[in-house]
Amino acid sequence: MKAILPDGQIDPDSEAGKMIGFTSDKFEGWLWKSGDRVMISMIISLQPNKGNLSALFKAIEAQGLRVAVPTPFVHLEAIIKSKGFKPHIEDDAELGPCEVWER
């Protein structure tokens, strides 16, 4: 049976973070779980080009969740494009229209 991640902020080395490999030796920043998806809100890879981001995406999806990336920086946008992510616009109650990438 898959573990269930709680809704809310996921920090490196938190219980939820450890379940998906979001640990402080690999990443800085935070994720945000809401419903059936995890937003890659603000992360920095501490070991670029080692496959940690791909492993994180796989671990999130293994939980039966979708990965979403709001308004990615250019480098991250190139990575997620290569992984089949597509952009769409979501209307956020506080922020207004926001570009979000998902596959």
PDB file of N, CA and C in Angstrom:
ATOM      1  N   MET A   1       0.838  -1.184   0.000  1.00  0.00           N
ATOM      2  CA  MET A   1       0.000   0.000   0.000  1.00  0.00           C
ATOM      3  C   MET A   1       0.883   1.247   0.000  1.00  0.00           C
ATOM      4  N   LYS A   2       0.506   2.227  -0.794  1.00  0.00           N
ATOM      5  CA  LYS A   2       1.265   3.466  -0.881  1.00  0.00           C
ATOM      6  C   LYS A   2       1.012   4.332   0.348  1.00  0.00           C
ATOM      7  N   ALA A   3       2.069   5.023   0.767  1.00  0.00           N
ATOM      8  CA  ALA A   3       1.905   5.996   1.844  1.00  0.00           C
ATOM      9  C   ALA A   3       1.157   7.199   1.270  1.00  0.00           C
ATOM     10  N   ILE A   4       0.451   7.904   2.097  1.00  0.00           N
ATOM     11  CA  ILE A   4      -0.302   9.067   1.647  1.00  0.00           C
ATOM     12  C   ILE A   4       0.370  10.324   2.175  1.00  0.00           C
ATOM     13  N   LEU A   5       0.707  11.222   1.248  1.00  0.00           N
ATOM     14  CA  LEU A   5       1.304  12.484   1.652  1.00  0.00           C
ATOM     15  C   LEU A   5       0.205  13.434   2.111  1.00  0.00           C
ATOM     16  N   PRO A   6       0.412  14.131   3.203  1.00  0.00           N
ATOM     17  CA  PRO A   6      -0.594  15.098   3.667  1.00  0.00           C
ATOM     18  C   PRO A   6      -0.569  16.362   2.808  1.00  0.00           C
ATOM     19  N   ASP A   7      -1.690  17.044   2.714  1.00  0.00           N
ATOM     20  CA  ASP A   7      -1.731  18.327   2.024  1.00  0.00           C
ATOM     21  C   ASP A   7      -0.904  19.346   2.801  1.00  0.00           C
ATOM     22  N   GLY A   8      -0.341  20.295   2.080  1.00  0.00           N
ATOM     23  CA  GLY A   8       0.422  21.375   2.692  1.00  0.00           C
ATOM     24  C   GLY A   8       1.861  21.387   2.226  1.00  0.00           C
ATOM     25  N   GLN A   9       2.654  22.218   2.883  1.00  0.00           N
ATOM     26  CA  GLN A   9       4.060  22.390   2.532  1.00  0.00           C
ATOM     27  C   GLN A   9       4.863  21.147   2.872  1.00  0.00           C
ATOM     28  N   ILE A  10       5.757  20.792   1.957  1.00  0.00           N
ATOM     29  CA  ILE A  10       6.677  19.672   2.175  1.00  0.00           C
ATOM     30  C   ILE A  10       8.087  20.239   2.161  1.00  0.00           C
ATOM     31  N   ASP A  11       8.768  20.109   3.278  1.00  0.00           N
ATOM     32  CA  ASP A  11      10.137  20.598   3.416  1.00  0.00           C
ATOM     33  C   ASP A  11      11.124  19.442   3.286  1.00  0.00           C
ATOM     34  N   PRO A  12      12.370  19.744   2.875  1.00  0.00           N
ATOM     35  CA  PRO A  12      13.385  18.695   2.851  1.00  0.00           C
ATOM     36  C   PRO A  12      13.532  18.061   4.236  1.00  0.00           C
ATOM     37  N   ASP A  13      13.685  16.773   4.249  1.00  0.00           N
ATOM     38  CA  ASP A  13      13.885  15.977   5.462  1.00  0.00           C
ATOM     39  C   ASP A  13      12.655  15.872   6.363  1.00  0.00           C
ATOM     40  N   SER A  14      11.523  16.466   5.959  1.00  0.00           N
ATOM     41  CA  SER A  14      10.294  16.243   6.723  1.00  0.00           C
ATOM     42  C   SER A  14       9.864  14.799   6.485  1.00  0.00           C
ATOM     43  N   GLU A  15       8.921  14.319   7.254  1.00  0.00           N
ATOM     44  CA  GLU A  15       8.446  12.947   7.077  1.00  0.00           C
ATOM     45  C   GLU A  15       7.950  12.730   5.641  1.00  0.00           C
ATOM     46  N   ALA A  16       7.143  13.659   5.156  1.00  0.00           N
ATOM     47  CA  ALA A  16       6.631  13.559   3.784  1.00  0.00           C
ATOM     48  C   ALA A  16       7.772  13.682   2.779  1.00  0.00           C
ATOM     49  N   GLY A  17       8.699  14.593   3.038  1.00  0.00           N
ATOM     50  CA  GLY A  17       9.842  14.764   2.149  1.00  0.00           C
ATOM     51  C   GLY A  17      10.671  13.503   2.018  1.00  0.00           C
ATOM     52  N   LYS A  18      10.933  12.854   3.131  1.00  0.00           N
ATOM     53  CA  LYS A  18      11.713  11.615   3.108  1.00  0.00           C
ATOM     54  C   LYS A  18      11.007  10.519   2.324  1.00  0.00           C
ATOM     55  N   MET A  19       9.664  10.485   2.369  1.00  0.00           N
ATOM     56  CA  MET A  19       8.911   9.453   1.644  1.00  0.00           C
ATOM     57  C   MET A  19       9.122   9.540   0.141  1.00  0.00           C
ATOM     58  N   ILE A  20       9.456  10.736  -0.359  1.00  0.00           N
ATOM     59  CA  ILE A  20       9.619  10.905  -1.806  1.00  0.00           C
ATOM     60  C   ILE A  20      11.050  11.287  -2.199  1.00  0.00           C
ATOM     61  N   GLY A  21      11.975  11.226  -1.263  1.00  0.00           N
ATOM     62  CA  GLY A  21      13.367  11.530  -1.573  1.00  0.00           C
ATOM     63  C   GLY A  21      13.683  13.007  -1.644  1.00  0.00           C
ATOM     64  N   PHE A  22      12.821  13.824  -1.038  1.00  0.00           N
ATOM     65  CA  PHE A  22      13.055  15.271  -0.991  1.00  0.00           C
ATOM     66  C   PHE A  22      13.837  15.552   0.279  1.00  0.00           C
ATOM     67  N   THR A  23      15.158  15.418   0.171  1.00  0.00           N
ATOM     68  CA  THR A  23      16.028  15.502   1.341  1.00  0.00           C
ATOM     69  C   THR A  23      17.046  16.631   1.174  1.00  0.00           C
ATOM     70  N   SER A  24      17.556  17.093   2.296  1.00  0.00           N
ATOM     71  CA  SER A  24      18.434  18.265   2.318  1.00  0.00           C
ATOM     72  C   SER A  24      19.804  18.019   1.698  1.00  0.00           C
ATOM     73  N   ASP A  25      20.169  16.773   1.458  1.00  0.00           N
ATOM     74  CA  ASP A  25      21.428  16.516   0.764  1.00  0.00           C
ATOM     75  C   ASP A  25      21.269  16.683  -0.747  1.00  0.00           C
ATOM     76  N   LYS A  26      20.011  16.724  -1.227  1.00  0.00           N
ATOM     77  CA  LYS A  26      19.743  16.829  -2.663  1.00  0.00           C
ATOM     78  C   LYS A  26      19.083  18.141  -3.068  1.00  0.00           C
ATOM     79  N   PHE A  27      18.268  18.711  -2.165  1.00  0.00           N
ATOM     80  CA  PHE A  27      17.469  19.873  -2.532  1.00  0.00           C
ATOM     81  C   PHE A  27      17.399  20.908  -1.407  1.00  0.00           C
ATOM     82  N   GLU A  28      17.178  22.157  -1.825  1.00  0.00           N
ATOM     83  CA  GLU A  28      16.760  23.233  -0.924  1.00  0.00           C
ATOM     84  C   GLU A  28      15.415  23.711  -1.425  1.00  0.00           C
ATOM     85  N   GLY A  29      14.616  24.296  -0.552  1.00  0.00           N
ATOM     86  CA  GLY A  29      13.329  24.851  -0.950  1.00  0.00           C
ATOM     87  C   GLY A  29      12.166  24.122  -0.326  1.00  0.00           C
ATOM     88  N   TRP A  30      11.053  24.065  -1.064  1.00  0.00           N
ATOM     89  CA  TRP A  30       9.857  23.410  -0.555  1.00  0.00           C
ATOM     90  C   TRP A  30       8.977  22.986  -1.723  1.00  0.00           C
ATOM     91  N   LEU A  31       8.080  22.064  -1.429  1.00  0.00           N
ATOM     92  CA  LEU A  31       7.046  21.610  -2.349  1.00  0.00           C
ATOM     93  C   LEU A  31       5.708  21.915  -1.701  1.00  0.00           C
ATOM     94  N   TRP A  32       4.634  21.839  -2.471  1.00  0.00           N
ATOM     95  CA  TRP A  32       3.307  22.070  -1.917  1.00  0.00           C
ATOM     96  C   TRP A  32       2.354  21.005  -2.439  1.00  0.00           C
ATOM     97  N   LYS A  33       1.799  20.201  -1.546  1.00  0.00           N
ATOM     98  CA  LYS A  33       0.832  19.162  -1.921  1.00  0.00           C
ATOM     99  C   LYS A  33      -0.570  19.687  -1.701  1.00  0.00           C
ATOM    100  N   SER A  34      -1.390  19.548  -2.738  1.00  0.00           N
ATOM    101  CA  SER A  34      -2.792  19.941  -2.660  1.00  0.00           C
ATOM    102  C   SER A  34      -3.605  18.948  -3.476  1.00  0.00           C
ATOM    103  N   GLY A  35      -4.464  18.210  -2.801  1.00  0.00           N
ATOM    104  CA  GLY A  35      -5.284  17.223  -3.505  1.00  0.00           C
ATOM    105  C   GLY A  35      -4.436  16.142  -4.127  1.00  0.00           C
ATOM    106  N   ASP A  36      -4.583  15.989  -5.449  1.00  0.00           N
ATOM    107  CA  ASP A  36      -3.887  14.894  -6.131  1.00  0.00           C
ATOM    108  C   ASP A  36      -2.623  15.344  -6.858  1.00  0.00           C
ATOM    109  N   ARG A  37      -2.065  16.481  -6.457  1.00  0.00           N
ATOM    110  CA  ARG A  37      -0.832  16.906  -7.116  1.00  0.00           C
ATOM    111  C   ARG A  37       0.129  17.584  -6.141  1.00  0.00           C
ATOM    112  N   VAL A  38       1.390  17.562  -6.545  1.00  0.00           N
ATOM    113  CA  VAL A  38       2.456  18.214  -5.785  1.00  0.00           C
ATOM    114  C   VAL A  38       3.040  19.299  -6.674  1.00  0.00           C
ATOM    115  N   MET A  39       3.010  20.526  -6.165  1.00  0.00           N
ATOM    116  CA  MET A  39       3.579  21.667  -6.873  1.00  0.00           C
ATOM    117  C   MET A  39       5.060  21.763  -6.530  1.00  0.00           C
ATOM    118  N   ILE A  40       5.860  21.864  -7.567  1.00  0.00           N
ATOM    119  CA  ILE A  40       7.285  22.089  -7.386  1.00  0.00           C
ATOM    120  C   ILE A  40       7.443  23.598  -7.246  1.00  0.00           C
ATOM    121  N   SER A  41       7.170  24.074  -6.041  1.00  0.00           N
ATOM    122  CA  SER A  41       7.055  25.508  -5.793  1.00  0.00           C
ATOM    123  C   SER A  41       8.380  26.231  -5.910  1.00  0.00           C
ATOM    124  N   MET A  42       9.318  25.836  -5.125  1.00  0.00           N
ATOM    125  CA  MET A  42      10.617  26.508  -5.103  1.00  0.00           C
ATOM    126  C   MET A  42      11.657  25.505  -4.663  1.00  0.00           C
ATOM    127  N   ILE A  43      12.417  24.974  -5.623  1.00  0.00           N
ATOM    128  CA  ILE A  43      13.474  24.040  -5.245  1.00  0.00           C
ATOM    129  C   ILE A  43      14.764  24.386  -5.984  1.00  0.00           C
ATOM    130  N   ILE A  44      15.848  24.037  -5.348  1.00  0.00           N
ATOM    131  CA  ILE A  44      17.184  24.158  -5.922  1.00  0.00           C
ATOM    132  C   ILE A  44      17.837  22.793  -5.774  1.00  0.00           C
ATOM    133  N   SER A  45      18.327  22.275  -6.875  1.00  0.00           N
ATOM    134  CA  SER A  45      19.049  21.010  -6.827  1.00  0.00           C
ATOM    135  C   SER A  45      20.468  21.271  -6.352  1.00  0.00           C
ATOM    136  N   LEU A  46      20.887  20.562  -5.331  1.00  0.00           N
ATOM    137  CA  LEU A  46      22.238  20.724  -4.792  1.00  0.00           C
ATOM    138  C   LEU A  46      23.258  19.859  -5.529  1.00  0.00           C
ATOM    139  N   GLN A  47      22.746  18.926  -6.352  1.00  0.00           N
ATOM    140  CA  GLN A  47      23.607  18.041  -7.139  1.00  0.00           C
ATOM    141  C   GLN A  47      23.065  17.992  -8.573  1.00  0.00           C
ATOM    142  N   PRO A  48      23.203  19.081  -9.327  1.00  0.00           N
ATOM    143  CA  PRO A  48      22.646  19.109 -10.678  1.00  0.00           C
ATOM    144  C   PRO A  48      23.171  17.970 -11.559  1.00  0.00           C
ATOM    145  N   ASN A  49      22.328  17.526 -12.474  1.00  0.00           N
ATOM    146  CA  ASN A  49      22.681  16.505 -13.472  1.00  0.00           C
ATOM    147  C   ASN A  49      22.977  15.133 -12.871  1.00  0.00           C
ATOM    148  N   LYS A  50      22.436  14.866 -11.688  1.00  0.00           N
ATOM    149  CA  LYS A  50      22.628  13.558 -11.040  1.00  0.00           C
ATOM    150  C   LYS A  50      21.356  12.711 -11.091  1.00  0.00           C
ATOM    151  N   GLY A  51      20.273  13.247 -11.660  1.00  0.00           N
ATOM    152  CA  GLY A  51      19.032  12.483 -11.758  1.00  0.00           C
ATOM    153  C   GLY A  51      18.117  12.621 -10.559  1.00  0.00           C
ATOM    154  N   ASN A  52      18.456  13.496  -9.625  1.00  0.00           N
ATOM    155  CA  ASN A  52      17.639  13.624  -8.419  1.00  0.00           C
ATOM    156  C   ASN A  52      16.250  14.192  -8.709  1.00  0.00           C
ATOM    157  N   LEU A  53      16.157  15.138  -9.643  1.00  0.00           N
ATOM    158  CA  LEU A  53      14.854  15.700  -9.982  1.00  0.00           C
ATOM    159  C   LEU A  53      13.976  14.647 -10.651  1.00  0.00           C
ATOM    160  N   SER A  54      14.544  13.881 -11.558  1.00  0.00           N
ATOM    161  CA  SER A  54      13.791  12.792 -12.199  1.00  0.00           C
ATOM    162  C   SER A  54      13.317  11.778 -11.169  1.00  0.00           C
ATOM    163  N   ALA A  55      14.190  11.444 -10.226  1.00  0.00           N
ATOM    164  CA  ALA A  55      13.819  10.499  -9.174  1.00  0.00           C
ATOM    165  C   ALA A  55      12.705  11.067  -8.300  1.00  0.00           C
ATOM    166  N   LEU A  56      12.759  12.377  -8.022  1.00  0.00           N
ATOM    167  CA  LEU A  56      11.710  13.024  -7.231  1.00  0.00           C
ATOM    168  C   LEU A  56      10.374  12.943  -7.961  1.00  0.00           C
ATOM    169  N   PHE A  57      10.371  13.262  -9.259  1.00  0.00           N
ATOM    170  CA  PHE A  57       9.135  13.185 -10.039  1.00  0.00           C
ATOM    171  C   PHE A  57       8.575  11.765 -10.024  1.00  0.00           C
ATOM    172  N   LYS A  58       9.436  10.770 -10.216  1.00  0.00           N
ATOM    173  CA  LYS A  58       8.992   9.364 -10.213  1.00  0.00           C
ATOM    174  C   LYS A  58       8.413   8.974  -8.859  1.00  0.00           C
ATOM    175  N   ALA A  59       9.043   9.413  -7.784  1.00  0.00           N
ATOM    176  CA  ALA A  59       8.565   9.079  -6.438  1.00  0.00           C
ATOM    177  C   ALA A  59       7.208   9.722  -6.162  1.00  0.00           C
ATOM    178  N   ILE A  60       7.019  10.946  -6.614  1.00  0.00           N
ATOM    179  CA  ILE A  60       5.723  11.615  -6.446  1.00  0.00           C
ATOM    180  C   ILE A  60       4.660  10.865  -7.225  1.00  0.00           C
ATOM    181  N   GLU A  61       4.958  10.538  -8.467  1.00  0.00           N
ATOM    182  CA  GLU A  61       4.000   9.825  -9.311  1.00  0.00           C
ATOM    183  C   GLU A  61       3.725   8.417  -8.788  1.00  0.00           C
ATOM    184  N   ALA A  62       4.704   7.793  -8.158  1.00  0.00           N
ATOM    185  CA  ALA A  62       4.499   6.465  -7.561  1.00  0.00           C
ATOM    186  C   ALA A  62       3.494   6.513  -6.421  1.00  0.00           C
ATOM    187  N   GLN A  63       3.299   7.698  -5.845  1.00  0.00           N
ATOM    188  CA  GLN A  63       2.296   7.889  -4.794  1.00  0.00           C
ATOM    189  C   GLN A  63       0.904   8.084  -5.394  1.00  0.00           C
ATOM    190  N   GLY A  64       0.808   8.032  -6.726  1.00  0.00           N
ATOM    191  CA  GLY A  64      -0.463   8.252  -7.398  1.00  0.00           C
ATOM    192  C   GLY A  64      -0.790   9.727  -7.556  1.00  0.00           C
ATOM    193  N   LEU A  65       0.222  10.561  -7.447  1.00  0.00           N
ATOM    194  CA  LEU A  65       0.038  12.017  -7.524  1.00  0.00           C
ATOM    195  C   LEU A  65       0.599  12.558  -8.832  1.00  0.00           C
ATOM    196  N   ARG A  66       0.115  13.734  -9.217  1.00  0.00           N
ATOM    197  CA  ARG A  66       0.636  14.436 -10.387  1.00  0.00           C
ATOM    198  C   ARG A  66       1.670  15.457  -9.940  1.00  0.00           C
ATOM    199  N   VAL A  67       2.619  15.731 -10.816  1.00  0.00           N
ATOM    200  CA  VAL A  67       3.633  16.754 -10.580  1.00  0.00           C
ATOM    201  C   VAL A  67       3.218  17.990 -11.365  1.00  0.00           C
ATOM    202  N   ALA A  68       3.248  19.147 -10.723  1.00  0.00           N
ATOM    203  CA  ALA A  68       2.914  20.413 -11.373  1.00  0.00           C
ATOM    204  C   ALA A  68       4.020  21.420 -11.074  1.00  0.00           C
ATOM    205  N   VAL A  69       4.343  22.229 -12.089  1.00  0.00           N
ATOM    206  CA  VAL A  69       5.398  23.229 -11.938  1.00  0.00           C
ATOM    207  C   VAL A  69       4.846  24.582 -12.366  1.00  0.00           C
ATOM    208  N   PRO A  70       4.622  25.492 -11.400  1.00  0.00           N
ATOM    209  CA  PRO A  70       4.132  26.827 -11.763  1.00  0.00           C
ATOM    210  C   PRO A  70       5.273  27.729 -12.229  1.00  0.00           C
ATOM    211  N   THR A  71       5.040  28.445 -13.306  1.00  0.00           N
ATOM    212  CA  THR A  71       5.974  29.414 -13.885  1.00  0.00           C
ATOM    213  C   THR A  71       7.449  29.054 -13.649  1.00  0.00           C
ATOM    214  N   PRO A  72       7.929  28.003 -14.311  1.00  0.00           N
ATOM    215  CA  PRO A  72       9.311  27.569 -14.086  1.00  0.00           C
ATOM    216  C   PRO A  72      10.327  28.553 -14.651  1.00  0.00           C
ATOM    217  N   PHE A  73      11.500  28.589 -14.021  1.00  0.00           N
ATOM    218  CA  PHE A  73      12.629  29.332 -14.571  1.00  0.00           C
ATOM    219  C   PHE A  73      13.057  28.638 -15.863  1.00  0.00           C
ATOM    220  N   VAL A  74      13.833  29.321 -16.681  1.00  0.00           N
ATOM    221  CA  VAL A  74      14.199  28.830 -18.016  1.00  0.00           C
ATOM    222  C   VAL A  74      14.837  27.440 -17.965  1.00  0.00           C
ATOM    223  N   HIS A  75      15.771  27.229 -17.064  1.00  0.00           N
ATOM    224  CA  HIS A  75      16.458  25.934 -16.991  1.00  0.00           C
ATOM    225  C   HIS A  75      15.485  24.808 -16.642  1.00  0.00           C
ATOM    226  N   LEU A  76      14.636  25.032 -15.650  1.00  0.00           N
ATOM    227  CA  LEU A  76      13.661  24.012 -15.265  1.00  0.00           C
ATOM    228  C   LEU A  76      12.634  23.809 -16.379  1.00  0.00           C
ATOM    229  N   GLU A  77      12.255  24.882 -17.061  1.00  0.00           N
ATOM    230  CA  GLU A  77      11.307  24.742 -18.170  1.00  0.00           C
ATOM    231  C   GLU A  77      11.869  23.814 -19.250  1.00  0.00           C
ATOM    232  N   ALA A  78      13.143  23.961 -19.572  1.00  0.00           N
ATOM    233  CA  ALA A  78      13.772  23.081 -20.568  1.00  0.00           C
ATOM    234  C   ALA A  78      13.744  21.625 -20.110  1.00  0.00           C
ATOM    235  N   ILE A  79      13.979  21.394 -18.836  1.00  0.00           N
ATOM    236  CA  ILE A  79      13.968  20.031 -18.296  1.00  0.00           C
ATOM    237  C   ILE A  79      12.566  19.431 -18.388  1.00  0.00           C
ATOM    238  N   ILE A  80      11.570  20.177 -17.933  1.00  0.00           N
ATOM    239  CA  ILE A  80      10.221  19.595 -17.909  1.00  0.00           C
ATOM    240  C   ILE A  80       9.640  19.456 -19.319  1.00  0.00           C
ATOM    241  N   LYS A  81      10.016  20.339 -20.239  1.00  0.00           N
ATOM    242  CA  LYS A  81       9.598  20.161 -21.640  1.00  0.00           C
ATOM    243  C   LYS A  81      10.100  18.829 -22.163  1.00  0.00           C
ATOM    244  N   SER A  82      11.358  18.510 -21.861  1.00  0.00           N
ATOM    245  CA  SER A  82      11.945  17.251 -22.341  1.00  0.00           C
ATOM    246  C   SER A  82      11.278  16.037 -21.706  1.00  0.00           C
ATOM    247  N   LYS A  83      10.591  16.232 -20.588  1.00  0.00           N
ATOM    248  CA  LYS A  83       9.902  15.142 -19.892  1.00  0.00           C
ATOM    249  C   LYS A  83       8.419  15.073 -20.263  1.00  0.00           C
ATOM    250  N   GLY A  84       8.009  15.880 -21.230  1.00  0.00           N
ATOM    251  CA  GLY A  84       6.643  15.802 -21.716  1.00  0.00           C
ATOM    252  C   GLY A  84       5.633  16.676 -20.996  1.00  0.00           C
ATOM    253  N   PHE A  85       6.093  17.599 -20.172  1.00  0.00           N
ATOM    254  CA  PHE A  85       5.178  18.517 -19.493  1.00  0.00           C
ATOM    255  C   PHE A  85       4.662  19.544 -20.495  1.00  0.00           C
ATOM    256  N   LYS A  86       3.405  19.964 -20.319  1.00  0.00           N
ATOM    257  CA  LYS A  86       2.769  20.967 -21.169  1.00  0.00           C
ATOM    258  C   LYS A  86       2.195  22.071 -20.284  1.00  0.00           C
ATOM    259  N   PRO A  87       2.253  23.326 -20.765  1.00  0.00           N
ATOM    260  CA  PRO A  87       1.717  24.431 -19.966  1.00  0.00           C
ATOM    261  C   PRO A  87       0.219  24.640 -20.169  1.00  0.00           C
ATOM    262  N   HIS A  88      -0.412  25.135 -19.131  1.00  0.00           N
ATOM    263  CA  HIS A  88      -1.791  25.624 -19.211  1.00  0.00           C
ATOM    264  C   HIS A  88      -1.906  26.776 -18.211  1.00  0.00           C
ATOM    265  N   ILE A  89      -2.967  27.546 -18.324  1.00  0.00           N
ATOM    266  CA  ILE A  89      -3.180  28.680 -17.428  1.00  0.00           C
ATOM    267  C   ILE A  89      -4.231  28.307 -16.392  1.00  0.00           C
ATOM    268  N   GLU A  90      -3.924  28.565 -15.133  1.00  0.00           N
ATOM    269  CA  GLU A  90      -4.879  28.371 -14.038  1.00  0.00           C
ATOM    270  C   GLU A  90      -5.152  29.730 -13.412  1.00  0.00           C
ATOM    271  N   ASP A  91      -6.363  29.911 -12.963  1.00  0.00           N
ATOM    272  CA  ASP A  91      -6.727  31.170 -12.310  1.00  0.00           C
ATOM    273  C   ASP A  91      -6.678  30.963 -10.806  1.00  0.00           C
ATOM    274  N   ASP A  92      -5.711  31.596 -10.158  1.00  0.00           N
ATOM    275  CA  ASP A  92      -5.545  31.515  -8.715  1.00  0.00           C
ATOM    276  C   ASP A  92      -6.307  32.665  -8.065  1.00  0.00           C
ATOM    277  N   ALA A  93      -7.037  32.364  -6.998  1.00  0.00           N
ATOM    278  CA  ALA A  93      -7.853  33.375  -6.322  1.00  0.00           C
ATOM    279  C   ALA A  93      -7.024  34.552  -5.815  1.00  0.00           C
ATOM    280  N   GLU A  94      -5.791  34.296  -5.398  1.00  0.00           N
ATOM    281  CA  GLU A  94      -4.942  35.359  -4.855  1.00  0.00           C
ATOM    282  C   GLU A  94      -4.009  35.967  -5.897  1.00  0.00           C
ATOM    283  N   LEU A  95      -3.487  35.133  -6.808  1.00  0.00           N
ATOM    284  CA  LEU A  95      -2.463  35.594  -7.739  1.00  0.00           C
ATOM    285  C   LEU A  95      -2.977  35.900  -9.136  1.00  0.00           C
ATOM    286  N   GLY A  96      -4.195  35.488  -9.427  1.00  0.00           N
ATOM    287  CA  GLY A  96      -4.725  35.676 -10.770  1.00  0.00           C
ATOM    288  C   GLY A  96      -4.243  34.569 -11.699  1.00  0.00           C
ATOM    289  N   PRO A  97      -4.202  34.831 -13.012  1.00  0.00           N
ATOM    290  CA  PRO A  97      -3.766  33.799 -13.957  1.00  0.00           C
ATOM    291  C   PRO A  97      -2.310  33.401 -13.731  1.00  0.00           C
ATOM    292  N   CYS A  98      -2.066  32.097 -13.787  1.00  0.00           N
ATOM    293  CA  CYS A  98      -0.735  31.558 -13.530  1.00  0.00           C
ATOM    294  C   CYS A  98      -0.469  30.399 -14.504  1.00  0.00           C
ATOM    295  N   GLU A  99       0.709  30.400 -15.112  1.00  0.00           N
ATOM    296  CA  GLU A  99       1.103  29.298 -15.988  1.00  0.00           C
ATOM    297  C   GLU A  99       1.545  28.121 -15.120  1.00  0.00           C
ATOM    298  N   VAL A 100       0.970  26.936 -15.381  1.00  0.00           N
ATOM    299  CA  VAL A 100       1.336  25.724 -14.657  1.00  0.00           C
ATOM    300  C   VAL A 100       1.630  24.637 -15.697  1.00  0.00           C
ATOM    301  N   TRP A 101       2.728  23.942 -15.505  1.00  0.00           N
ATOM    302  CA  TRP A 101       3.128  22.857 -16.407  1.00  0.00           C
ATOM    303  C   TRP A 101       2.834  21.509 -15.739  1.00  0.00           C
ATOM    304  N   GLU A 102       2.194  20.615 -16.492  1.00  0.00           N
ATOM    305  CA  GLU A 102       1.924  19.245 -16.021  1.00  0.00           C
ATOM    306  C   GLU A 102       2.026  18.296 -17.200  1.00  0.00           C
ATOM    307  N   ARG A 103       2.164  16.991 -16.901  1.00  0.00           N
ATOM    308  CA  ARG A 103       2.093  16.027 -17.991  1.00  0.00           C
ATOM    309  C   ARG A 103       0.847  15.196 -17.847  1.00  0.00           C
TER     310      ARG A 103
END
